[in-house]
PDB file of N, CA and C in Angstrom:
ATOM      1  N   MET A   1     104.420  89.462  94.013  1.00  0.00           N
ATOM      2  CA  MET A   1     104.789  90.776  94.491  1.00  0.00           C
ATOM      3  C   MET A   1     105.168  90.696  95.971  1.00  0.00           C
ATOM      4  N   ARG A   2     106.155  91.457  96.332  1.00  0.00           N
ATOM      5  CA  ARG A   2     106.537  91.573  97.734  1.00  0.00           C
ATOM      6  C   ARG A   2     106.094  92.932  98.233  1.00  0.00           C
ATOM      7  N   GLY A   3     105.795  93.000  99.529  1.00  0.00           N
ATOM      8  CA  GLY A   3     105.383  94.285 100.062  1.00  0.00           C
ATOM      9  C   GLY A   3     105.033  94.231 101.527  1.00  0.00           C
ATOM     10  N   VAL A   4     104.450  95.316 101.984  1.00  0.00           N
ATOM     11  CA  VAL A   4     104.035  95.454 103.368  1.00  0.00           C
ATOM     12  C   VAL A   4     102.692  96.175 103.404  1.00  0.00           C
ATOM     13  N   ASN A   5     101.969  95.947 104.489  1.00  0.00           N
ATOM     14  CA  ASN A   5     100.750  96.701 104.723  1.00  0.00           C
ATOM     15  C   ASN A   5     100.571  96.900 106.221  1.00  0.00           C
ATOM     16  N   ALA A   6      99.771  97.890 106.575  1.00  0.00           N
ATOM     17  CA  ALA A   6      99.498  98.193 107.978  1.00  0.00           C
ATOM     18  C   ALA A   6      98.012  98.511 108.097  1.00  0.00           C
ATOM     19  N   GLU A   7      97.485  98.340 109.305  1.00  0.00           N
ATOM     20  CA  GLU A   7      96.066  98.564 109.513  1.00  0.00           C
ATOM     21  C   GLU A   7      95.843  99.080 110.931  1.00  0.00           C
ATOM     22  N   VAL A   8      94.989 100.064 111.060  1.00  0.00           N
ATOM     23  CA  VAL A   8      94.544 100.558 112.357  1.00  0.00           C
ATOM     24  C   VAL A   8      93.040 100.359 112.382  1.00  0.00           C
ATOM     25  N   GLY A   9      92.542  99.710 113.440  1.00  0.00           N
ATOM     26  CA  GLY A   9      91.125  99.398 113.492  1.00  0.00           C
ATOM     27  C   GLY A   9      90.500  99.698 114.829  1.00  0.00           C
ATOM     28  N   TYR A  10      89.176  99.612 114.846  1.00  0.00           N
ATOM     29  CA  TYR A  10      88.416  99.907 116.055  1.00  0.00           C
ATOM     30  C   TYR A  10      87.227  98.954 116.138  1.00  0.00           C
ATOM     31  N   HIS A  11      87.080  98.262 117.269  1.00  0.00           N
ATOM     32  CA  HIS A  11      85.931  97.399 117.532  1.00  0.00           C
ATOM     33  C   HIS A  11      84.867  98.218 118.259  1.00  0.00           C
ATOM     34  N   PHE A  12      83.608  98.062 117.857  1.00  0.00           N
ATOM     35  CA  PHE A  12      82.518  98.734 118.555  1.00  0.00           C
ATOM     36  C   PHE A  12      81.235  97.924 118.422  1.00  0.00           C
ATOM     37  N   THR A  13      80.261  98.245 119.257  1.00  0.00           N
ATOM     38  CA  THR A  13      78.986  97.532 119.267  1.00  0.00           C
ATOM     39  C   THR A  13      77.928  98.413 118.613  1.00  0.00           C
ATOM     40  N   ALA A  14      77.169  97.835 117.679  1.00  0.00           N
ATOM     41  CA  ALA A  14      76.132  98.579 116.972  1.00  0.00           C
ATOM     42  C   ALA A  14      74.744  98.106 117.389  1.00  0.00           C
ATOM     43  N   GLY A  15      74.629  97.451 118.491  1.00  0.00           N
ATOM     44  CA  GLY A  15      73.371  96.900 118.982  1.00  0.00           C
ATOM     45  C   GLY A  15      73.680  95.791 119.965  1.00  0.00           C
ATOM     46  N   ARG A  16      72.642  95.241 120.543  1.00  0.00           N
ATOM     47  CA  ARG A  16      72.853  94.202 121.555  1.00  0.00           C
ATOM     48  C   ARG A  16      73.492  92.944 120.991  1.00  0.00           C
ATOM     49  N   LYS A  17      73.230  92.631 119.739  1.00  0.00           N
ATOM     50  CA  LYS A  17      73.733  91.382 119.153  1.00  0.00           C
ATOM     51  C   LYS A  17      74.624  91.597 117.937  1.00  0.00           C
ATOM     52  N   VAL A  18      75.094  92.841 117.713  1.00  0.00           N
ATOM     53  CA  VAL A  18      75.907  93.136 116.535  1.00  0.00           C
ATOM     54  C   VAL A  18      77.228  93.766 116.974  1.00  0.00           C
ATOM     55  N   ASN A  19      78.328  93.119 116.607  1.00  0.00           N
ATOM     56  CA  ASN A  19      79.662  93.654 116.857  1.00  0.00           C
ATOM     57  C   ASN A  19      80.248  94.119 115.529  1.00  0.00           C
ATOM     58  N   MET A  20      80.880  95.286 115.553  1.00  0.00           N
ATOM     59  CA  MET A  20      81.424  95.879 114.332  1.00  0.00           C
ATOM     60  C   MET A  20      82.938  96.057 114.474  1.00  0.00           C
ATOM     61  N   TYR A  21      83.602  96.072 113.316  1.00  0.00           N
ATOM     62  CA  TYR A  21      85.030  96.364 113.258  1.00  0.00           C
ATOM     63  C   TYR A  21      85.273  97.196 112.007  1.00  0.00           C
ATOM     64  N   ALA A  22      85.914  98.340 112.162  1.00  0.00           N
ATOM     65  CA  ALA A  22      86.278  99.194 111.032  1.00  0.00           C
ATOM     66  C   ALA A  22      87.787  99.393 111.068  1.00  0.00           C
ATOM     67  N   ALA A  23      88.425  99.368 109.898  1.00  0.00           N
ATOM     68  CA  ALA A  23      89.877  99.510 109.839  1.00  0.00           C
ATOM     69  C   ALA A  23      90.286 100.154 108.521  1.00  0.00           C
ATOM     70  N   ALA A  24      91.448 100.791 108.529  1.00  0.00           N
ATOM     71  CA  ALA A  24      92.002 101.395 107.317  1.00  0.00           C
ATOM     72  C   ALA A  24      93.518 101.459 107.463  1.00  0.00           C
ATOM     73  N   GLY A  25      94.192 101.525 106.327  1.00  0.00           N
ATOM     74  CA  GLY A  25      95.644 101.640 106.372  1.00  0.00           C
ATOM     75  C   GLY A  25      96.273 101.645 104.993  1.00  0.00           C
ATOM     76  N   PRO A  26      97.568 101.923 104.940  1.00  0.00           N
ATOM     77  CA  PRO A  26      98.294 101.958 103.672  1.00  0.00           C
ATOM     78  C   PRO A  26      98.916 100.603 103.328  1.00  0.00           C
ATOM     79  N   TYR A  27      99.316 100.468 102.059  1.00  0.00           N
ATOM     80  CA  TYR A  27     100.088  99.291 101.647  1.00  0.00           C
ATOM     81  C   TYR A  27     101.064  99.669 100.545  1.00  0.00           C
ATOM     82  N   TYR A  28     102.063  98.814 100.363  1.00  0.00           N
ATOM     83  CA  TYR A  28     103.078  99.000  99.329  1.00  0.00           C
ATOM     84  C   TYR A  28     103.485  97.620  98.817  1.00  0.00           C
ATOM     85  N   PHE A  29     103.392  97.438  97.497  1.00  0.00           N
ATOM     86  CA  PHE A  29     103.846  96.199  96.865  1.00  0.00           C
ATOM     87  C   PHE A  29     104.733  96.552  95.683  1.00  0.00           C
ATOM     88  N   ASN A  30     105.731  95.704  95.398  1.00  0.00           N
ATOM     89  CA  ASN A  30     106.687  95.973  94.338  1.00  0.00           C
ATOM     90  C   ASN A  30     107.050  94.674  93.646  1.00  0.00           C
ATOM     91  N   GLN A  31     107.125  94.748  92.302  1.00  0.00           N
ATOM     92  CA  GLN A  31     107.640  93.626  91.512  1.00  0.00           C
ATOM     93  C   GLN A  31     108.024  94.149  90.138  1.00  0.00           C
ATOM     94  N   GLU A  32     109.212  93.795  89.694  1.00  0.00           N
ATOM     95  CA  GLU A  32     109.702  94.141  88.357  1.00  0.00           C
ATOM     96  C   GLU A  32     109.548  95.634  88.057  1.00  0.00           C
ATOM     97  N   GLY A  33     109.899  96.476  89.012  1.00  0.00           N
ATOM     98  CA  GLY A  33     109.857  97.918  88.796  1.00  0.00           C
ATOM     99  C   GLY A  33     108.487  98.566  88.922  1.00  0.00           C
ATOM    100  N   LYS A  34     107.450  97.794  89.168  1.00  0.00           N
ATOM    101  CA  LYS A  34     106.110  98.353  89.354  1.00  0.00           C
ATOM    102  C   LYS A  34     105.843  98.510  90.848  1.00  0.00           C
ATOM    103  N   ASN A  35     105.423  99.699  91.246  1.00  0.00           N
ATOM    104  CA  ASN A  35     105.139  99.984  92.649  1.00  0.00           C
ATOM    105  C   ASN A  35     103.652 100.252  92.837  1.00  0.00           C
ATOM    106  N   ALA A  36     103.044  99.455  93.668  1.00  0.00           N
ATOM    107  CA  ALA A  36     101.634  99.654  94.019  1.00  0.00           C
ATOM    108  C   ALA A  36     101.598 100.265  95.414  1.00  0.00           C
ATOM    109  N   ILE A  37     101.428 101.580  95.484  1.00  0.00           N
ATOM    110  CA  ILE A  37     101.339 102.292  96.757  1.00  0.00           C
ATOM    111  C   ILE A  37      99.895 102.763  96.876  1.00  0.00           C
ATOM    112  N   GLY A  38      99.201 102.279  97.902  1.00  0.00           N
ATOM    113  CA  GLY A  38      97.792 102.620  98.007  1.00  0.00           C
ATOM    114  C   GLY A  38      97.262 102.494  99.417  1.00  0.00           C
ATOM    115  N   GLY A  39      95.953 102.532  99.509  1.00  0.00           N
ATOM    116  CA  GLY A  39      95.294 102.418 100.797  1.00  0.00           C
ATOM    117  C   GLY A  39      94.145 101.433 100.727  1.00  0.00           C
ATOM    118  N   GLU A  40      93.774 100.933 101.897  1.00  0.00           N
ATOM    119  CA  GLU A  40      92.686  99.963 101.961  1.00  0.00           C
ATOM    120  C   GLU A  40      91.833 100.237 103.196  1.00  0.00           C
ATOM    121  N   GLY A  41      90.589  99.802 103.132  1.00  0.00           N
ATOM    122  CA  GLY A  41      89.681  99.943 104.261  1.00  0.00           C
ATOM    123  C   GLY A  41      88.804  98.712 104.385  1.00  0.00           C
ATOM    124  N   ARG A  42      88.293  98.502 105.577  1.00  0.00           N
ATOM    125  CA  ARG A  42      87.482  97.301 105.827  1.00  0.00           C
ATOM    126  C   ARG A  42      86.401  97.633 106.841  1.00  0.00           C
ATOM    127  N   LEU A  43      85.216  97.112 106.613  1.00  0.00           N
ATOM    128  CA  LEU A  43      84.117  97.206 107.570  1.00  0.00           C
ATOM    129  C   LEU A  43      83.541  95.807 107.726  1.00  0.00           C
ATOM    130  N   GLN A  44      83.429  95.365 108.983  1.00  0.00           N
ATOM    131  CA  GLN A  44      82.996  94.001 109.268  1.00  0.00           C
ATOM    132  C   GLN A  44      81.931  94.029 110.356  1.00  0.00           C
ATOM    133  N   ALA A  45      80.870  93.264 110.164  1.00  0.00           N
ATOM    134  CA  ALA A  45      79.798  93.152 111.161  1.00  0.00           C
ATOM    135  C   ALA A  45      79.572  91.682 111.476  1.00  0.00           C
ATOM    136  N   THR A  46      79.494  91.367 112.768  1.00  0.00           N
ATOM    137  CA  THR A  46      79.218  90.009 113.223  1.00  0.00           C
ATOM    138  C   THR A  46      77.886  90.019 113.966  1.00  0.00           C
ATOM    139  N   PHE A  47      76.951  89.198 113.505  1.00  0.00           N
ATOM    140  CA  PHE A  47      75.599  89.136 114.054  1.00  0.00           C
ATOM    141  C   PHE A  47      75.437  87.899 114.930  1.00  0.00           C
ATOM    142  N   ARG A  48      75.089  88.094 116.185  1.00  0.00           N
ATOM    143  CA  ARG A  48      74.821  87.012 117.127  1.00  0.00           C
ATOM    144  C   ARG A  48      75.946  85.981 117.204  1.00  0.00           C
ATOM    145  N   ASP A  49      77.179  86.387 116.982  1.00  0.00           N
ATOM    146  CA  ASP A  49      78.358  85.511 117.019  1.00  0.00           C
ATOM    147  C   ASP A  49      78.280  84.348 116.038  1.00  0.00           C
ATOM    148  N   ARG A  50      77.423  84.440 115.034  1.00  0.00           N
ATOM    149  CA  ARG A  50      77.237  83.307 114.114  1.00  0.00           C
ATOM    150  C   ARG A  50      77.370  83.668 112.634  1.00  0.00           C
ATOM    151  N   VAL A  51      77.080  84.914 112.265  1.00  0.00           N
ATOM    152  CA  VAL A  51      77.112  85.329 110.859  1.00  0.00           C
ATOM    153  C   VAL A  51      77.970  86.588 110.750  1.00  0.00           C
ATOM    154  N   ARG A  52      78.902  86.582 109.798  1.00  0.00           N
ATOM    155  CA  ARG A  52      79.785  87.734 109.621  1.00  0.00           C
ATOM    156  C   ARG A  52      79.688  88.235 108.183  1.00  0.00           C
ATOM    157  N   LEU A  53      79.540  89.539 108.036  1.00  0.00           N
ATOM    158  CA  LEU A  53      79.523  90.215 106.743  1.00  0.00           C
ATOM    159  C   LEU A  53      80.688  91.189 106.714  1.00  0.00           C
ATOM    160  N   SER A  54      81.489  91.121 105.662  1.00  0.00           N
ATOM    161  CA  SER A  54      82.679  91.962 105.569  1.00  0.00           C
ATOM    162  C   SER A  54      82.755  92.576 104.171  1.00  0.00           C
ATOM    163  N   VAL A  55      83.132  93.869 104.121  1.00  0.00           N
ATOM    164  CA  VAL A  55      83.351  94.576 102.856  1.00  0.00           C
ATOM    165  C   VAL A  55      84.734  95.217 102.925  1.00  0.00           C
ATOM    166  N   ASN A  56      85.560  94.957 101.912  1.00  0.00           N
ATOM    167  CA  ASN A  56      86.918  95.500 101.826  1.00  0.00           C
ATOM    168  C   ASN A  56      87.041  96.321 100.549  1.00  0.00           C
ATOM    169  N   GLY A  57      87.775  97.404 100.632  1.00  0.00           N
ATOM    170  CA  GLY A  57      88.037  98.211  99.449  1.00  0.00           C
ATOM    171  C   GLY A  57      89.469  98.702  99.457  1.00  0.00           C
ATOM    172  N   SER A  58      90.061  98.837  98.266  1.00  0.00           N
ATOM    173  CA  SER A  58      91.423  99.350  98.166  1.00  0.00           C
ATOM    174  C   SER A  58      91.572 100.125  96.862  1.00  0.00           C
ATOM    175  N   TYR A  59      92.605 100.971  96.834  1.00  0.00           N
ATOM    176  CA  TYR A  59      92.920 101.706  95.604  1.00  0.00           C
ATOM    177  C   TYR A  59      94.414 101.990  95.532  1.00  0.00           C
ATOM    178  N   ASP A  60      94.978 101.796  94.329  1.00  0.00           N
ATOM    179  CA  ASP A  60      96.344 102.197  94.023  1.00  0.00           C
ATOM    180  C   ASP A  60      96.439 102.375  92.511  1.00  0.00           C
ATOM    181  N   PRO A  61      97.487 103.034  92.016  1.00  0.00           N
ATOM    182  CA  PRO A  61      97.593 103.309  90.575  1.00  0.00           C
ATOM    183  C   PRO A  61      97.774 102.069  89.700  1.00  0.00           C
ATOM    184  N   ILE A  62      98.269 100.971  90.244  1.00  0.00           N
ATOM    185  CA  ILE A  62      98.490  99.761  89.443  1.00  0.00           C
ATOM    186  C   ILE A  62      97.201  98.946  89.309  1.00  0.00           C
ATOM    187  N   PHE A  63      96.565  98.612  90.426  1.00  0.00           N
ATOM    188  CA  PHE A  63      95.389  97.751  90.421  1.00  0.00           C
ATOM    189  C   PHE A  63      94.075  98.532  90.372  1.00  0.00           C
ATOM    190  N   LYS A  64      94.148  99.850  90.538  1.00  0.00           N
ATOM    191  CA  LYS A  64      92.975 100.741  90.581  1.00  0.00           C
ATOM    192  C   LYS A  64      92.087 100.365  91.763  1.00  0.00           C
ATOM    193  N   GLY A  65      90.803 100.629  91.646  1.00  0.00           N
ATOM    194  CA  GLY A  65      89.885 100.349  92.751  1.00  0.00           C
ATOM    195  C   GLY A  65      89.404  98.910  92.760  1.00  0.00           C
ATOM    196  N   ILE A  66      89.417  98.304  93.933  1.00  0.00           N
ATOM    197  CA  ILE A  66      88.939  96.927  94.103  1.00  0.00           C
ATOM    198  C   ILE A  66      88.028  96.910  95.324  1.00  0.00           C
ATOM    199  N   VAL A  67      86.839  96.329  95.167  1.00  0.00           N
ATOM    200  CA  VAL A  67      85.911  96.144  96.286  1.00  0.00           C
ATOM    201  C   VAL A  67      85.575  94.661  96.363  1.00  0.00           C
ATOM    202  N   GLN A  68      85.652  94.106  97.562  1.00  0.00           N
ATOM    203  CA  GLN A  68      85.351  92.692  97.773  1.00  0.00           C
ATOM    204  C   GLN A  68      84.406  92.549  98.951  1.00  0.00           C
ATOM    205  N   GLY A  69      83.586  91.530  98.918  1.00  0.00           N
ATOM    206  CA  GLY A  69      82.686  91.243 100.025  1.00  0.00           C
ATOM    207  C   GLY A  69      82.771  89.786 100.418  1.00  0.00           C
ATOM    208  N   GLU A  70      82.398  89.515 101.662  1.00  0.00           N
ATOM    209  CA  GLU A  70      82.440  88.139 102.166  1.00  0.00           C
ATOM    210  C   GLU A  70      81.310  87.937 103.167  1.00  0.00           C
ATOM    211  N   LEU A  71      80.651  86.823 103.078  1.00  0.00           N
ATOM    212  CA  LEU A  71      79.620  86.410 104.023  1.00  0.00           C
ATOM    213  C   LEU A  71      80.068  85.087 104.616  1.00  0.00           C
ATOM    214  N   SER A  72      80.146  85.020 105.961  1.00  0.00           N
ATOM    215  CA  SER A  72      80.651  83.817 106.653  1.00  0.00           C
ATOM    216  C   SER A  72      79.629  83.295 107.646  1.00  0.00           C
ATOM    217  N   LEU A  73      79.527  82.001 107.738  1.00  0.00           N
ATOM    218  CA  LEU A  73      78.737  81.325 108.758  1.00  0.00           C
ATOM    219  C   LEU A  73      79.722  80.745 109.770  1.00  0.00           C
ATOM    220  N   ILE A  74      79.582  81.103 111.035  1.00  0.00           N
ATOM    221  CA  ILE A  74      80.519  80.679 112.081  1.00  0.00           C
ATOM    222  C   ILE A  74      79.903  79.498 112.831  1.00  0.00           C
ATOM    223  N   ILE A  75      80.584  78.362 112.786  1.00  0.00           N
ATOM    224  CA  ILE A  75      80.133  77.154 113.465  1.00  0.00           C
ATOM    225  C   ILE A  75      81.167  76.813 114.532  1.00  0.00           C
ATOM    226  N   PRO A  76      80.893  77.126 115.799  1.00  0.00           N
ATOM    227  CA  PRO A  76      81.862  76.845 116.851  1.00  0.00           C
ATOM    228  C   PRO A  76      81.898  75.360 117.208  1.00  0.00           C
ATOM    229  N   PHE A  77      83.070  74.877 117.586  1.00  0.00           N
ATOM    230  CA  PHE A  77      83.237  73.500 118.046  1.00  0.00           C
ATOM    231  C   PHE A  77      83.373  73.426 119.557  1.00  0.00           C
ATOM    232  N   GLY A  78      82.960  74.459 120.235  1.00  0.00           N
ATOM    233  CA  GLY A  78      83.016  74.540 121.680  1.00  0.00           C
ATOM    234  C   GLY A  78      82.199  75.735 122.143  1.00  0.00           C
ATOM    235  N   PRO A  79      82.181  76.008 123.423  1.00  0.00           N
ATOM    236  CA  PRO A  79      81.398  77.143 123.901  1.00  0.00           C
ATOM    237  C   PRO A  79      81.958  78.475 123.430  1.00  0.00           C
ATOM    238  N   ILE A  80      81.079  79.413 123.216  1.00  0.00           N
ATOM    239  CA  ILE A  80      81.489  80.764 122.795  1.00  0.00           C
ATOM    240  C   ILE A  80      81.583  81.651 124.012  1.00  0.00           C
TER     241      ILE A  80
END
Protein backbone atom coordinates (compact mmCIF):
# COMPACT_ATOMS: atom_id res chain seq x y z
CA MET A 1 0.00 0.00 0.00
CA ARG A 2 1.12 3.53 -0.70
CA GLY A 3 0.15 6.45 1.46
CA VAL A 4 1.01 9.27 3.78
CA ASN A 5 0.73 9.99 7.47
CA ALA A 6 1.29 12.97 9.75
CA GLU A 7 1.85 13.33 13.47
CA VAL A 8 1.77 16.16 15.98
CA GLY A 9 3.38 15.40 19.32
CA TYR A 10 4.39 16.87 22.64
CA HIS A 11 7.31 15.97 24.94
CA PHE A 12 6.78 16.43 28.68
CA THR A 13 8.19 15.28 32.01
CA ALA A 14 6.07 13.13 34.33
CA GLY A 15 8.60 12.99 37.17
CA ARG A 16 12.27 13.47 37.84
CA LYS A 17 13.29 10.35 35.91
CA VAL A 18 10.37 9.86 33.48
CA ASN A 19 10.09 11.54 30.08
CA MET A 20 6.83 11.24 28.15
CA TYR A 21 5.82 11.75 24.53
CA ALA A 22 2.22 11.85 23.27
CA ALA A 23 1.28 12.18 19.60
CA ALA A 24 -1.70 11.82 17.27
CA GLY A 25 -2.45 12.31 13.61
CA PRO A 26 -4.22 11.15 10.46
CA TYR A 27 -3.12 8.70 7.77
CA TYR A 28 -4.18 7.62 4.29
CA PHE A 29 -3.20 4.44 2.44
CA ASN A 30 -4.43 3.19 -0.94
CA GLN A 31 -4.04 0.00 -2.97
CA GLU A 32 -6.22 -1.60 -5.64
CA GLY A 33 -9.13 0.78 -5.02
CA LYS A 34 -9.16 0.30 -1.24
CA ASN A 35 -8.70 3.47 0.81
CA ALA A 36 -7.64 3.31 4.43
CA ILE A 37 -8.33 6.77 5.87
CA GLY A 38 -7.89 6.84 9.61
CA GLY A 39 -6.17 8.19 12.66
CA GLU A 40 -3.47 7.02 15.01
CA GLY A 41 -2.16 7.91 18.45
CA ARG A 42 0.92 7.10 20.48
CA LEU A 43 1.98 7.40 24.11
CA GLN A 44 5.60 6.72 25.04
CA ALA A 45 7.37 6.80 28.42
CA THR A 46 11.13 6.61 28.94
CA PHE A 47 12.34 5.70 32.45
CA ARG A 48 15.81 6.79 33.60
CA ASP A 49 16.98 7.00 29.94
CA ARG A 50 17.22 3.20 29.89
CA VAL A 51 13.74 1.63 29.53
CA ARG A 52 11.03 2.73 27.10
CA LEU A 53 7.38 1.66 27.05
CA SER A 54 5.25 2.62 24.05
CA VAL A 55 1.57 2.04 23.18
CA ASN A 56 0.21 2.80 19.69
CA GLY A 57 -3.37 2.68 18.49
CA SER A 58 -5.04 3.30 15.14
CA TYR A 59 -8.43 2.96 13.48
CA ASP A 60 -9.73 3.01 9.91
CA PRO A 61 -12.57 1.24 8.04
CA ILE A 62 -10.24 -1.24 6.28
CA PHE A 63 -8.01 -2.47 9.13
CA LYS A 64 -10.40 -1.52 11.99
CA GLY A 65 -8.86 -0.95 15.41
CA ILE A 66 -5.25 -1.96 16.06
CA VAL A 67 -3.38 -1.57 19.35
CA GLN A 68 0.33 -2.37 19.66
CA GLY A 69 2.79 -2.16 22.51
CA GLU A 70 6.56 -2.16 22.75
CA LEU A 71 9.05 -2.46 25.60
CA SER A 72 12.66 -1.41 24.84
CA LEU A 73 15.91 -1.63 26.76
CA ILE A 74 18.27 1.21 25.79
CA ILE A 75 21.97 0.35 25.89
CA PRO A 76 24.09 3.41 25.05
CA PHE A 77 27.53 3.03 23.46
CA GLY A 78 28.67 6.39 24.78
CA PRO A 79 27.74 9.02 27.33
CA ILE A 80 24.11 10.07 27.60
